[in-house]
Amino acid sequence: MDLIEKINYLKNIMIAVSTGGQRIQDVNDDYKKIYTATSIELKKNGIKNPNTYSDLWEWYGKWSSGEMPQYRDRRAYIIEVFKDLLNQLENSGN
């Protein structure tokens, strides 16, 4: 899995667990492994990781606080978190 695929995986899982898709307990271990690998790779390339949620339960705490009551709010937030990073990587050919 290349870096862009890892980032898209993280993005898609974050959206899925916060919009009635997958259950956190079913995907959190894989998410944490890929998050760690992605963070290391980004750091090696001198790129700040915009995703501050190393664990899906942390993400659950954010969206369940009432700040993002609707699925569309959560989707829009995650898309925004990853947008600049994905554009940067796609334009650099990583």
PDB file of N, CA and C in Angstrom:
ATOM      1  N   MET A   1       0.861  -1.178   0.000  1.00  0.00           N
ATOM      2  CA  MET A   1       0.000   0.000   0.000  1.00  0.00           C
ATOM      3  C   MET A   1       0.901   1.231   0.000  1.00  0.00           C
ATOM      4  N   ASP A   2       0.745   2.101  -0.998  1.00  0.00           N
ATOM      5  CA  ASP A   2       1.567   3.312  -1.018  1.00  0.00           C
ATOM      6  C   ASP A   2       0.965   4.372  -0.089  1.00  0.00           C
ATOM      7  N   LEU A   3       1.669   5.480   0.056  1.00  0.00           N
ATOM      8  CA  LEU A   3       1.274   6.512   1.013  1.00  0.00           C
ATOM      9  C   LEU A   3      -0.120   7.064   0.730  1.00  0.00           C
ATOM     10  N   ILE A   4      -0.416   7.347  -0.507  1.00  0.00           N
ATOM     11  CA  ILE A   4      -1.744   7.885  -0.845  1.00  0.00           C
ATOM     12  C   ILE A   4      -2.834   6.855  -0.525  1.00  0.00           C
ATOM     13  N   GLU A   5      -2.572   5.592  -0.793  1.00  0.00           N
ATOM     14  CA  GLU A   5      -3.551   4.549  -0.464  1.00  0.00           C
ATOM     15  C   GLU A   5      -3.767   4.455   1.050  1.00  0.00           C
ATOM     16  N   LYS A   6      -2.693   4.588   1.811  1.00  0.00           N
ATOM     17  CA  LYS A   6      -2.820   4.562   3.280  1.00  0.00           C
ATOM     18  C   LYS A   6      -3.669   5.729   3.772  1.00  0.00           C
ATOM     19  N   ILE A   7      -3.394   6.899   3.235  1.00  0.00           N
ATOM     20  CA  ILE A   7      -4.147   8.082   3.660  1.00  0.00           C
ATOM     21  C   ILE A   7      -5.621   7.946   3.278  1.00  0.00           C
ATOM     22  N   ASN A   8      -5.895   7.467   2.088  1.00  0.00           N
ATOM     23  CA  ASN A   8      -7.291   7.248   1.686  1.00  0.00           C
ATOM     24  C   ASN A   8      -7.962   6.188   2.543  1.00  0.00           C
ATOM     25  N   TYR A   9      -7.214   5.158   2.930  1.00  0.00           N
ATOM     26  CA  TYR A   9      -7.758   4.128   3.827  1.00  0.00           C
ATOM     27  C   TYR A   9      -8.175   4.792   5.147  1.00  0.00           C
ATOM     28  N   LEU A  10      -7.268   5.582   5.736  1.00  0.00           N
ATOM     29  CA  LEU A  10      -7.575   6.241   7.007  1.00  0.00           C
ATOM     30  C   LEU A  10      -8.797   7.141   6.869  1.00  0.00           C
ATOM     31  N   LYS A  11      -8.819   7.921   5.802  1.00  0.00           N
ATOM     32  CA  LYS A  11      -9.939   8.838   5.550  1.00  0.00           C
ATOM     33  C   LYS A  11     -11.256   8.062   5.431  1.00  0.00           C
ATOM     34  N   ASN A  12     -11.244   6.998   4.635  1.00  0.00           N
ATOM     35  CA  ASN A  12     -12.466   6.227   4.415  1.00  0.00           C
ATOM     36  C   ASN A  12     -12.942   5.521   5.673  1.00  0.00           C
ATOM     37  N   ILE A  13     -12.023   5.011   6.474  1.00  0.00           N
ATOM     38  CA  ILE A  13     -12.410   4.348   7.721  1.00  0.00           C
ATOM     39  C   ILE A  13     -12.993   5.364   8.701  1.00  0.00           C
ATOM     40  N   MET A  14     -12.381   6.532   8.778  1.00  0.00           N
ATOM     41  CA  MET A  14     -12.901   7.564   9.682  1.00  0.00           C
ATOM     42  C   MET A  14     -14.316   7.971   9.287  1.00  0.00           C
ATOM     43  N   ILE A  15     -14.558   8.086   8.000  1.00  0.00           N
ATOM     44  CA  ILE A  15     -15.910   8.409   7.535  1.00  0.00           C
ATOM     45  C   ILE A  15     -16.856   7.244   7.830  1.00  0.00           C
ATOM     46  N   ALA A  16     -16.427   6.030   7.538  1.00  0.00           N
ATOM     47  CA  ALA A  16     -17.293   4.855   7.720  1.00  0.00           C
ATOM     48  C   ALA A  16     -17.734   4.682   9.173  1.00  0.00           C
ATOM     49  N   VAL A  17     -16.793   4.781  10.107  1.00  0.00           N
ATOM     50  CA  VAL A  17     -17.178   4.539  11.508  1.00  0.00           C
ATOM     51  C   VAL A  17     -18.053   5.653  12.060  1.00  0.00           C
ATOM     52  N   SER A  18     -17.959   6.848  11.471  1.00  0.00           N
ATOM     53  CA  SER A  18     -18.744   7.972  11.994  1.00  0.00           C
ATOM     54  C   SER A  18     -20.065   8.178  11.260  1.00  0.00           C
ATOM     55  N   THR A  19     -20.339   7.317  10.274  1.00  0.00           N
ATOM     56  CA  THR A  19     -21.589   7.472   9.514  1.00  0.00           C
ATOM     57  C   THR A  19     -22.375   6.165   9.432  1.00  0.00           C
ATOM     58  N   GLY A  20     -22.215   5.334  10.429  1.00  0.00           N
ATOM     59  CA  GLY A  20     -23.017   4.116  10.490  1.00  0.00           C
ATOM     60  C   GLY A  20     -22.483   2.956   9.681  1.00  0.00           C
ATOM     61  N   GLY A  21     -21.265   3.063   9.195  1.00  0.00           N
ATOM     62  CA  GLY A  21     -20.662   1.978   8.415  1.00  0.00           C
ATOM     63  C   GLY A  21     -20.052   0.942   9.333  1.00  0.00           C
ATOM     64  N   GLN A  22     -18.746   0.894   9.354  1.00  0.00           N
ATOM     65  CA  GLN A  22     -18.059  -0.102  10.152  1.00  0.00           C
ATOM     66  C   GLN A  22     -18.036   0.282  11.626  1.00  0.00           C
ATOM     67  N   ARG A  23     -17.844  -0.745  12.463  1.00  0.00           N
ATOM     68  CA  ARG A  23     -17.775  -0.522  13.906  1.00  0.00           C
ATOM     69  C   ARG A  23     -16.317  -0.307  14.308  1.00  0.00           C
ATOM     70  N   ILE A  24     -16.100   0.631  15.205  1.00  0.00           N
ATOM     71  CA  ILE A  24     -14.738   0.963  15.635  1.00  0.00           C
ATOM     72  C   ILE A  24     -13.996  -0.273  16.115  1.00  0.00           C
ATOM     73  N   GLN A  25     -14.636  -1.079  16.933  1.00  0.00           N
ATOM     74  CA  GLN A  25     -13.957  -2.241  17.499  1.00  0.00           C
ATOM     75  C   GLN A  25     -13.532  -3.255  16.434  1.00  0.00           C
ATOM     76  N   ASP A  26     -14.145  -3.209  15.273  1.00  0.00           N
ATOM     77  CA  ASP A  26     -13.797  -4.139  14.190  1.00  0.00           C
ATOM     78  C   ASP A  26     -12.605  -3.661  13.358  1.00  0.00           C
ATOM     79  N   VAL A  27     -12.335  -2.373  13.342  1.00  0.00           N
ATOM     80  CA  VAL A  27     -11.296  -1.836  12.451  1.00  0.00           C
ATOM     81  C   VAL A  27     -10.212  -1.020  13.154  1.00  0.00           C
ATOM     82  N   ASN A  28     -10.354  -0.794  14.451  1.00  0.00           N
ATOM     83  CA  ASN A  28      -9.429   0.104  15.144  1.00  0.00           C
ATOM     84  C   ASN A  28      -7.987  -0.393  15.147  1.00  0.00           C
ATOM     85  N   ASP A  29      -7.759  -1.694  15.310  1.00  0.00           N
ATOM     86  CA  ASP A  29      -6.385  -2.211  15.329  1.00  0.00           C
ATOM     87  C   ASP A  29      -5.683  -1.950  13.997  1.00  0.00           C
ATOM     88  N   ASP A  30      -6.363  -2.244  12.891  1.00  0.00           N
ATOM     89  CA  ASP A  30      -5.781  -1.975  11.567  1.00  0.00           C
ATOM     90  C   ASP A  30      -5.569  -0.477  11.361  1.00  0.00           C
ATOM     91  N   TYR A  31      -6.547   0.306  11.770  1.00  0.00           N
ATOM     92  CA  TYR A  31      -6.447   1.757  11.639  1.00  0.00           C
ATOM     93  C   TYR A  31      -5.198   2.266  12.357  1.00  0.00           C
ATOM     94  N   LYS A  32      -4.988   1.827  13.594  1.00  0.00           N
ATOM     95  CA  LYS A  32      -3.846   2.303  14.379  1.00  0.00           C
ATOM     96  C   LYS A  32      -2.509   1.918  13.730  1.00  0.00           C
ATOM     97  N   LYS A  33      -2.425   0.715  13.192  1.00  0.00           N
ATOM     98  CA  LYS A  33      -1.193   0.274  12.520  1.00  0.00           C
ATOM     99  C   LYS A  33      -0.914   1.135  11.295  1.00  0.00           C
ATOM    100  N   ILE A  34      -1.939   1.350  10.478  1.00  0.00           N
ATOM    101  CA  ILE A  34      -1.759   2.140   9.255  1.00  0.00           C
ATOM    102  C   ILE A  34      -1.524   3.610   9.596  1.00  0.00           C
ATOM    103  N   TYR A  35      -2.172   4.098  10.634  1.00  0.00           N
ATOM    104  CA  TYR A  35      -1.938   5.477  11.078  1.00  0.00           C
ATOM    105  C   TYR A  35      -0.471   5.666  11.453  1.00  0.00           C
ATOM    106  N   THR A  36       0.072   4.741  12.234  1.00  0.00           N
ATOM    107  CA  THR A  36       1.468   4.836  12.674  1.00  0.00           C
ATOM    108  C   THR A  36       2.416   4.793  11.485  1.00  0.00           C
ATOM    109  N   ALA A  37       2.204   3.843  10.575  1.00  0.00           N
ATOM    110  CA  ALA A  37       3.051   3.728   9.387  1.00  0.00           C
ATOM    111  C   ALA A  37       2.973   4.996   8.539  1.00  0.00           C
ATOM    112  N   THR A  38       1.793   5.546   8.404  1.00  0.00           N
ATOM    113  CA  THR A  38       1.589   6.762   7.617  1.00  0.00           C
ATOM    114  C   THR A  38       2.291   7.950   8.267  1.00  0.00           C
ATOM    115  N   SER A  39       2.151   8.071   9.568  1.00  0.00           N
ATOM    116  CA  SER A  39       2.790   9.173  10.284  1.00  0.00           C
ATOM    117  C   SER A  39       4.310   9.129  10.136  1.00  0.00           C
ATOM    118  N   ILE A  40       4.880   7.936  10.233  1.00  0.00           N
ATOM    119  CA  ILE A  40       6.328   7.774  10.081  1.00  0.00           C
ATOM    120  C   ILE A  40       6.758   8.186   8.681  1.00  0.00           C
ATOM    121  N   GLU A  41       6.023   7.727   7.688  1.00  0.00           N
ATOM    122  CA  GLU A  41       6.353   8.044   6.295  1.00  0.00           C
ATOM    123  C   GLU A  41       6.234   9.547   6.013  1.00  0.00           C
ATOM    124  N   LEU A  42       5.190  10.166   6.537  1.00  0.00           N
ATOM    125  CA  LEU A  42       5.026  11.607   6.354  1.00  0.00           C
ATOM    126  C   LEU A  42       6.180  12.363   7.017  1.00  0.00           C
ATOM    127  N   LYS A  43       6.515  11.956   8.229  1.00  0.00           N
ATOM    128  CA  LYS A  43       7.601  12.623   8.959  1.00  0.00           C
ATOM    129  C   LYS A  43       8.921  12.510   8.200  1.00  0.00           C
ATOM    130  N   LYS A  44       9.197  11.333   7.634  1.00  0.00           N
ATOM    131  CA  LYS A  44      10.419  11.135   6.846  1.00  0.00           C
ATOM    132  C   LYS A  44      10.483  12.092   5.662  1.00  0.00           C
ATOM    133  N   ASN A  45       9.307  12.425   5.122  1.00  0.00           N
ATOM    134  CA  ASN A  45       9.222  13.332   3.971  1.00  0.00           C
ATOM    135  C   ASN A  45       9.071  14.795   4.389  1.00  0.00           C
ATOM    136  N   GLY A  46       9.142  15.052   5.696  1.00  0.00           N
ATOM    137  CA  GLY A  46       9.032  16.417   6.187  1.00  0.00           C
ATOM    138  C   GLY A  46       7.640  17.004   6.081  1.00  0.00           C
ATOM    139  N   ILE A  47       6.637  16.140   6.139  1.00  0.00           N
ATOM    140  CA  ILE A  47       5.244  16.579   5.983  1.00  0.00           C
ATOM    141  C   ILE A  47       4.504  16.373   7.309  1.00  0.00           C
ATOM    142  N   LYS A  48       3.812  17.404   7.761  1.00  0.00           N
ATOM    143  CA  LYS A  48       3.028  17.314   8.991  1.00  0.00           C
ATOM    144  C   LYS A  48       1.755  16.510   8.728  1.00  0.00           C
ATOM    145  N   ASN A  49       1.459  15.607   9.633  1.00  0.00           N
ATOM    146  CA  ASN A  49       0.237  14.809   9.515  1.00  0.00           C
ATOM    147  C   ASN A  49      -0.948  15.655   9.993  1.00  0.00           C
ATOM    148  N   PRO A  50      -1.903  15.958   9.124  1.00  0.00           N
ATOM    149  CA  PRO A  50      -3.053  16.769   9.540  1.00  0.00           C
ATOM    150  C   PRO A  50      -4.076  15.986  10.370  1.00  0.00           C
ATOM    151  N   ASN A  51      -3.949  14.670  10.361  1.00  0.00           N
ATOM    152  CA  ASN A  51      -4.866  13.810  11.104  1.00  0.00           C
ATOM    153  C   ASN A  51      -4.314  13.603  12.507  1.00  0.00           C
ATOM    154  N   THR A  52      -4.955  14.191  13.490  1.00  0.00           N
ATOM    155  CA  THR A  52      -4.482  14.096  14.874  1.00  0.00           C
ATOM    156  C   THR A  52      -5.080  12.909  15.624  1.00  0.00           C
ATOM    157  N   TYR A  53      -5.887  12.102  14.944  1.00  0.00           N
ATOM    158  CA  TYR A  53      -6.583  10.993  15.603  1.00  0.00           C
ATOM    159  C   TYR A  53      -5.843   9.676  15.361  1.00  0.00           C
ATOM    160  N   SER A  54      -4.988   9.298  16.304  1.00  0.00           N
ATOM    161  CA  SER A  54      -4.212   8.066  16.166  1.00  0.00           C
ATOM    162  C   SER A  54      -5.028   6.835  16.530  1.00  0.00           C
ATOM    163  N   ASP A  55      -6.198   7.052  17.059  1.00  0.00           N
ATOM    164  CA  ASP A  55      -7.088   5.982  17.496  1.00  0.00           C
ATOM    165  C   ASP A  55      -8.521   6.401  17.139  1.00  0.00           C
ATOM    166  N   LEU A  56      -9.297   5.469  16.645  1.00  0.00           N
ATOM    167  CA  LEU A  56     -10.673   5.811  16.234  1.00  0.00           C
ATOM    168  C   LEU A  56     -11.552   6.213  17.414  1.00  0.00           C
ATOM    169  N   TRP A  57     -11.208   5.777  18.616  1.00  0.00           N
ATOM    170  CA  TRP A  57     -11.994   6.210  19.781  1.00  0.00           C
ATOM    171  C   TRP A  57     -11.800   7.699  20.054  1.00  0.00           C
ATOM    172  N   GLU A  58     -10.622   8.230  19.729  1.00  0.00           N
ATOM    173  CA  GLU A  58     -10.404   9.680  19.842  1.00  0.00           C
ATOM    174  C   GLU A  58     -11.307  10.413  18.853  1.00  0.00           C
ATOM    175  N   TRP A  59     -11.385   9.891  17.639  1.00  0.00           N
ATOM    176  CA  TRP A  59     -12.261  10.468  16.611  1.00  0.00           C
ATOM    177  C   TRP A  59     -13.712  10.377  17.066  1.00  0.00           C
ATOM    178  N   TYR A  60     -14.099   9.261  17.672  1.00  0.00           N
ATOM    179  CA  TYR A  60     -15.450   9.101  18.207  1.00  0.00           C
ATOM    180  C   TYR A  60     -15.745  10.204  19.228  1.00  0.00           C
ATOM    181  N   GLY A  61     -14.788  10.486  20.096  1.00  0.00           N
ATOM    182  CA  GLY A  61     -14.969  11.541  21.092  1.00  0.00           C
ATOM    183  C   GLY A  61     -15.251  12.888  20.453  1.00  0.00           C
ATOM    184  N   LYS A  62     -14.596  13.167  19.346  1.00  0.00           N
ATOM    185  CA  LYS A  62     -14.786  14.435  18.631  1.00  0.00           C
ATOM    186  C   LYS A  62     -16.190  14.530  18.026  1.00  0.00           C
ATOM    187  N   TRP A  63     -16.560  13.512  17.245  1.00  0.00           N
ATOM    188  CA  TRP A  63     -17.835  13.642  16.543  1.00  0.00           C
ATOM    189  C   TRP A  63     -19.035  13.436  17.462  1.00  0.00           C
ATOM    190  N   SER A  64     -18.867  12.663  18.523  1.00  0.00           N
ATOM    191  CA  SER A  64     -20.015  12.386  19.396  1.00  0.00           C
ATOM    192  C   SER A  64     -20.237  13.476  20.438  1.00  0.00           C
ATOM    193  N   SER A  65     -19.369  14.481  20.460  1.00  0.00           N
ATOM    194  CA  SER A  65     -19.495  15.571  21.437  1.00  0.00           C
ATOM    195  C   SER A  65     -20.663  16.499  21.113  1.00  0.00           C
ATOM    196  N   GLY A  66     -21.273  16.306  19.940  1.00  0.00           N
ATOM    197  CA  GLY A  66     -22.376  17.163  19.523  1.00  0.00           C
ATOM    198  C   GLY A  66     -21.941  18.214  18.521  1.00  0.00           C
ATOM    199  N   GLU A  67     -20.619  18.293  18.312  1.00  0.00           N
ATOM    200  CA  GLU A  67     -20.056  19.270  17.383  1.00  0.00           C
ATOM    201  C   GLU A  67     -20.420  18.961  15.931  1.00  0.00           C
ATOM    202  N   MET A  68     -20.582  17.664  15.632  1.00  0.00           N
ATOM    203  CA  MET A  68     -20.911  17.234  14.270  1.00  0.00           C
ATOM    204  C   MET A  68     -22.101  16.275  14.333  1.00  0.00           C
ATOM    205  N   PRO A  69     -23.296  16.818  14.479  1.00  0.00           N
ATOM    206  CA  PRO A  69     -24.453  15.958  14.708  1.00  0.00           C
ATOM    207  C   PRO A  69     -24.893  15.125  13.501  1.00  0.00           C
ATOM    208  N   GLN A  70     -24.557  15.554  12.296  1.00  0.00           N
ATOM    209  CA  GLN A  70     -25.041  14.839  11.116  1.00  0.00           C
ATOM    210  C   GLN A  70     -23.891  14.181  10.365  1.00  0.00           C
ATOM    211  N   TYR A  71     -24.237  13.107   9.664  1.00  0.00           N
ATOM    212  CA  TYR A  71     -23.239  12.382   8.872  1.00  0.00           C
ATOM    213  C   TYR A  71     -22.518  13.317   7.906  1.00  0.00           C
ATOM    214  N   ARG A  72     -23.248  14.217   7.267  1.00  0.00           N
ATOM    215  CA  ARG A  72     -22.622  15.103   6.284  1.00  0.00           C
ATOM    216  C   ARG A  72     -21.593  16.021   6.936  1.00  0.00           C
ATOM    217  N   ASP A  73     -21.821  16.406   8.199  1.00  0.00           N
ATOM    218  CA  ASP A  73     -20.863  17.244   8.924  1.00  0.00           C
ATOM    219  C   ASP A  73     -19.551  16.480   9.131  1.00  0.00           C
ATOM    220  N   ARG A  74     -19.667  15.217   9.485  1.00  0.00           N
ATOM    221  CA  ARG A  74     -18.493  14.381   9.737  1.00  0.00           C
ATOM    222  C   ARG A  74     -17.729  14.122   8.441  1.00  0.00           C
ATOM    223  N   ARG A  75     -18.462  13.806   7.387  1.00  0.00           N
ATOM    224  CA  ARG A  75     -17.839  13.578   6.070  1.00  0.00           C
ATOM    225  C   ARG A  75     -17.076  14.825   5.620  1.00  0.00           C
ATOM    226  N   ALA A  76     -17.718  15.965   5.712  1.00  0.00           N
ATOM    227  CA  ALA A  76     -17.104  17.224   5.278  1.00  0.00           C
ATOM    228  C   ALA A  76     -15.856  17.535   6.109  1.00  0.00           C
ATOM    229  N   TYR A  77     -15.915  17.295   7.404  1.00  0.00           N
ATOM    230  CA  TYR A  77     -14.770  17.554   8.272  1.00  0.00           C
ATOM    231  C   TYR A  77     -13.579  16.690   7.868  1.00  0.00           C
ATOM    232  N   ILE A  78     -13.795  15.402   7.679  1.00  0.00           N
ATOM    233  CA  ILE A  78     -12.706  14.480   7.319  1.00  0.00           C
ATOM    234  C   ILE A  78     -12.152  14.806   5.935  1.00  0.00           C
ATOM    235  N   ILE A  79     -13.011  15.083   4.996  1.00  0.00           N
ATOM    236  CA  ILE A  79     -12.540  15.456   3.649  1.00  0.00           C
ATOM    237  C   ILE A  79     -11.639  16.686   3.743  1.00  0.00           C
ATOM    238  N   GLU A  80     -12.029  17.644   4.560  1.00  0.00           N
ATOM    239  CA  GLU A  80     -11.240  18.868   4.726  1.00  0.00           C
ATOM    240  C   GLU A  80      -9.892  18.582   5.404  1.00  0.00           C
ATOM    241  N   VAL A  81      -9.892  17.700   6.389  1.00  0.00           N
ATOM    242  CA  VAL A  81      -8.644  17.344   7.087  1.00  0.00           C
ATOM    243  C   VAL A  81      -7.596  16.828   6.105  1.00  0.00           C
ATOM    244  N   PHE A  82      -8.026  15.983   5.178  1.00  0.00           N
ATOM    245  CA  PHE A  82      -7.088  15.306   4.288  1.00  0.00           C
ATOM    246  C   PHE A  82      -6.869  15.994   2.938  1.00  0.00           C
ATOM    247  N   LYS A  83      -7.697  16.964   2.601  1.00  0.00           N
ATOM    248  CA  LYS A  83      -7.688  17.552   1.252  1.00  0.00           C
ATOM    249  C   LYS A  83      -6.318  18.099   0.838  1.00  0.00           C
ATOM    250  N   ASP A  84      -5.746  18.979   1.640  1.00  0.00           N
ATOM    251  CA  ASP A  84      -4.467  19.602   1.269  1.00  0.00           C
ATOM    252  C   ASP A  84      -3.347  18.570   1.185  1.00  0.00           C
ATOM    253  N   LEU A  85      -3.316  17.638   2.121  1.00  0.00           N
ATOM    254  CA  LEU A  85      -2.285  16.601   2.116  1.00  0.00           C
ATOM    255  C   LEU A  85      -2.372  15.749   0.856  1.00  0.00           C
ATOM    256  N   LEU A  86      -3.559  15.293   0.515  1.00  0.00           N
ATOM    257  CA  LEU A  86      -3.720  14.470  -0.681  1.00  0.00           C
ATOM    258  C   LEU A  86      -3.361  15.250  -1.949  1.00  0.00           C
ATOM    259  N   ASN A  87      -3.769  16.511  -2.009  1.00  0.00           N
ATOM    260  CA  ASN A  87      -3.405  17.339  -3.175  1.00  0.00           C
ATOM    261  C   ASN A  87      -1.894  17.476  -3.285  1.00  0.00           C
ATOM    262  N   GLN A  88      -1.238  17.731  -2.164  1.00  0.00           N
ATOM    263  CA  GLN A  88       0.221  17.871  -2.155  1.00  0.00           C
ATOM    264  C   GLN A  88       0.899  16.596  -2.637  1.00  0.00           C
ATOM    265  N   LEU A  89       0.459  15.444  -2.134  1.00  0.00           N
ATOM    266  CA  LEU A  89       1.085  14.171  -2.522  1.00  0.00           C
ATOM    267  C   LEU A  89       0.797  13.814  -3.972  1.00  0.00           C
ATOM    268  N   GLU A  90      -0.421  14.055  -4.409  1.00  0.00           N
ATOM    269  CA  GLU A  90      -0.771  13.734  -5.797  1.00  0.00           C
ATOM    270  C   GLU A  90       0.001  14.619  -6.773  1.00  0.00           C
ATOM    271  N   ASN A  91       0.220  15.867  -6.395  1.00  0.00           N
ATOM    272  CA  ASN A  91       0.959  16.780  -7.270  1.00  0.00           C
ATOM    273  C   ASN A  91       2.464  16.518  -7.267  1.00  0.00           C
ATOM    274  N   SER A  92       2.960  15.893  -6.182  1.00  0.00           N
ATOM    275  CA  SER A  92       4.390  15.601  -6.107  1.00  0.00           C
ATOM    276  C   SER A  92       4.713  14.217  -6.676  1.00  0.00           C
ATOM    277  N   GLY A  93       3.676  13.442  -6.977  1.00  0.00           N
ATOM    278  CA  GLY A  93       3.879  12.112  -7.559  1.00  0.00           C
ATOM    279  C   GLY A  93       4.192  11.034  -6.548  1.00  0.00           C
ATOM    280  N   ASN A  94       3.944  11.266  -5.252  1.00  0.00           N
ATOM    281  CA  ASN A  94       4.193  10.239  -4.232  1.00  0.00           C
ATOM    282  C   ASN A  94       3.129   9.174  -4.233  1.00  0.00           C
TER     283      ASN A  94
END
